[in-house]
Amino acid sequence: MDKAGDGLDNDLSDTPSTVEPNKPSPVPKGLPKRRGRPPKTSTTLISALPMSAPAPFVLFTREKRPEVKAAFPDLSFATIPATIGNMWKALSNEEKQNTS
């Protein structure tokens, strides 16, 4: 008997270990590695949020982009927002608030 007197032999030092400590256990073939519900993606999280009103700059950009593209057809895709941003900076605060 062991020292505790419960009748169980707690000395496992002489039995070989079949599980290596730092290796993940293999997943049997045919079973999915991950079970349960798939994680939510950022698009489903964003679509679940309530929409807020667009900022005045966004409204200004939506309005002016076709005008800038028509006036300057040779501008690249990257310079159109820069041009609209410069137009926005040139506006006074009252004009910016009246954009909506």
Protein backbone atom coordinates (compact mmCIF):
# COMPACT_ATOMS: atom_id res chain seq x y z
CA MET A 1 0.00 0.00 0.00
CA ASP A 2 1.04 3.62 -0.40
CA LYS A 3 1.81 5.99 2.41
CA ALA A 4 -1.57 7.75 2.34
CA GLY A 5 -3.38 4.50 3.03
CA ASP A 6 -6.09 4.90 0.38
CA GLY A 7 -5.06 1.78 -1.48
CA LEU A 8 -4.05 3.58 -4.70
CA ASP A 9 -0.57 3.48 -6.12
CA ASN A 10 0.30 7.11 -7.07
CA ASP A 11 3.85 6.39 -8.22
CA LEU A 12 3.74 6.80 -12.02
CA SER A 13 7.45 7.40 -12.54
CA ASP A 14 8.09 3.92 -13.94
CA THR A 15 5.24 4.03 -16.56
CA PRO A 16 6.16 5.42 -20.00
CA SER A 17 4.36 8.56 -21.17
CA THR A 18 2.62 8.36 -24.56
CA VAL A 19 1.84 12.09 -24.85
CA GLU A 20 4.65 14.52 -25.53
CA PRO A 21 4.16 17.74 -23.56
CA ASN A 22 4.63 20.42 -26.27
CA LYS A 23 3.08 18.73 -29.28
CA PRO A 24 -0.54 19.34 -30.28
CA SER A 25 -2.66 16.25 -30.46
CA PRO A 26 -3.37 15.18 -34.04
CA VAL A 27 -6.86 15.68 -35.40
CA PRO A 28 -8.33 12.53 -36.93
CA LYS A 29 -8.85 12.69 -40.68
CA GLY A 30 -12.32 13.58 -41.81
CA LEU A 31 -13.12 15.78 -38.82
CA PRO A 32 -13.03 19.57 -38.99
CA LYS A 33 -10.29 21.22 -36.98
CA ARG A 34 -12.62 23.87 -35.63
CA ARG A 35 -16.12 23.18 -34.44
CA GLY A 36 -18.98 25.47 -33.67
CA ARG A 37 -20.10 28.74 -35.08
CA PRO A 38 -17.68 30.58 -37.37
CA PRO A 39 -16.33 33.86 -35.98
CA LYS A 40 -18.03 37.07 -37.02
CA THR A 41 -16.20 39.05 -39.65
CA SER A 42 -15.70 42.76 -39.50
CA THR A 43 -18.30 43.35 -42.23
CA THR A 44 -21.03 41.63 -40.24
CA LEU A 45 -20.06 43.60 -37.14
CA ILE A 46 -20.14 46.88 -39.04
CA SER A 47 -23.48 46.12 -40.70
CA ALA A 48 -25.00 45.40 -37.28
CA LEU A 49 -24.15 48.89 -35.99
CA PRO A 50 -26.62 51.75 -36.46
CA MET A 51 -25.67 54.23 -39.16
CA SER A 52 -24.82 57.79 -38.18
CA ALA A 53 -25.19 60.84 -40.37
CA PRO A 54 -22.27 61.41 -42.74
CA ALA A 55 -19.82 64.15 -41.84
CA PRO A 56 -20.01 67.44 -43.76
CA PHE A 57 -16.70 66.68 -45.49
CA VAL A 58 -18.08 63.38 -46.78
CA LEU A 59 -21.14 65.13 -48.18
CA PHE A 60 -18.92 67.78 -49.76
CA THR A 61 -16.72 65.09 -51.33
CA ARG A 62 -19.72 63.23 -52.76
CA GLU A 63 -20.98 66.44 -54.29
CA LYS A 64 -17.68 67.76 -55.68
CA ARG A 65 -16.01 64.57 -56.99
CA PRO A 66 -18.00 64.45 -60.27
CA GLU A 67 -17.41 68.17 -60.78
CA VAL A 68 -13.65 67.84 -60.27
CA LYS A 69 -13.45 64.79 -62.55
CA ALA A 70 -15.33 66.67 -65.28
CA ALA A 71 -13.24 69.85 -64.92
CA PHE A 72 -9.90 68.01 -64.73
CA PRO A 73 -10.14 64.71 -66.62
CA ASP A 74 -6.36 64.25 -66.65
CA LEU A 75 -6.04 64.08 -62.82
CA SER A 76 -4.99 60.74 -61.39
CA PHE A 77 -7.06 58.77 -58.90
CA ALA A 78 -4.84 59.89 -56.01
CA THR A 79 -4.84 63.61 -56.83
CA ILE A 80 -8.62 63.99 -57.01
CA PRO A 81 -9.07 63.65 -53.21
CA ALA A 82 -6.14 66.03 -52.66
CA THR A 83 -7.81 68.61 -54.89
CA ILE A 84 -11.13 68.19 -53.07
CA GLY A 85 -9.33 68.51 -49.73
CA ASN A 86 -7.76 71.80 -50.83
CA MET A 87 -11.18 73.06 -51.89
CA TRP A 88 -12.54 72.09 -48.44
CA LYS A 89 -9.72 73.93 -46.66
CA ALA A 90 -10.48 77.06 -48.66
CA LEU A 91 -14.09 77.16 -47.39
CA SER A 92 -15.04 79.23 -44.35
CA ASN A 93 -16.57 77.60 -41.27
CA GLU A 94 -20.05 78.85 -42.18
CA GLU A 95 -19.79 77.33 -45.66
CA LYS A 96 -18.58 74.05 -44.16
CA GLN A 97 -21.59 73.88 -41.83
CA ASN A 98 -24.00 74.68 -44.67
CA THR A 99 -22.65 71.80 -46.77
CA SER A 100 -25.18 69.35 -45.37
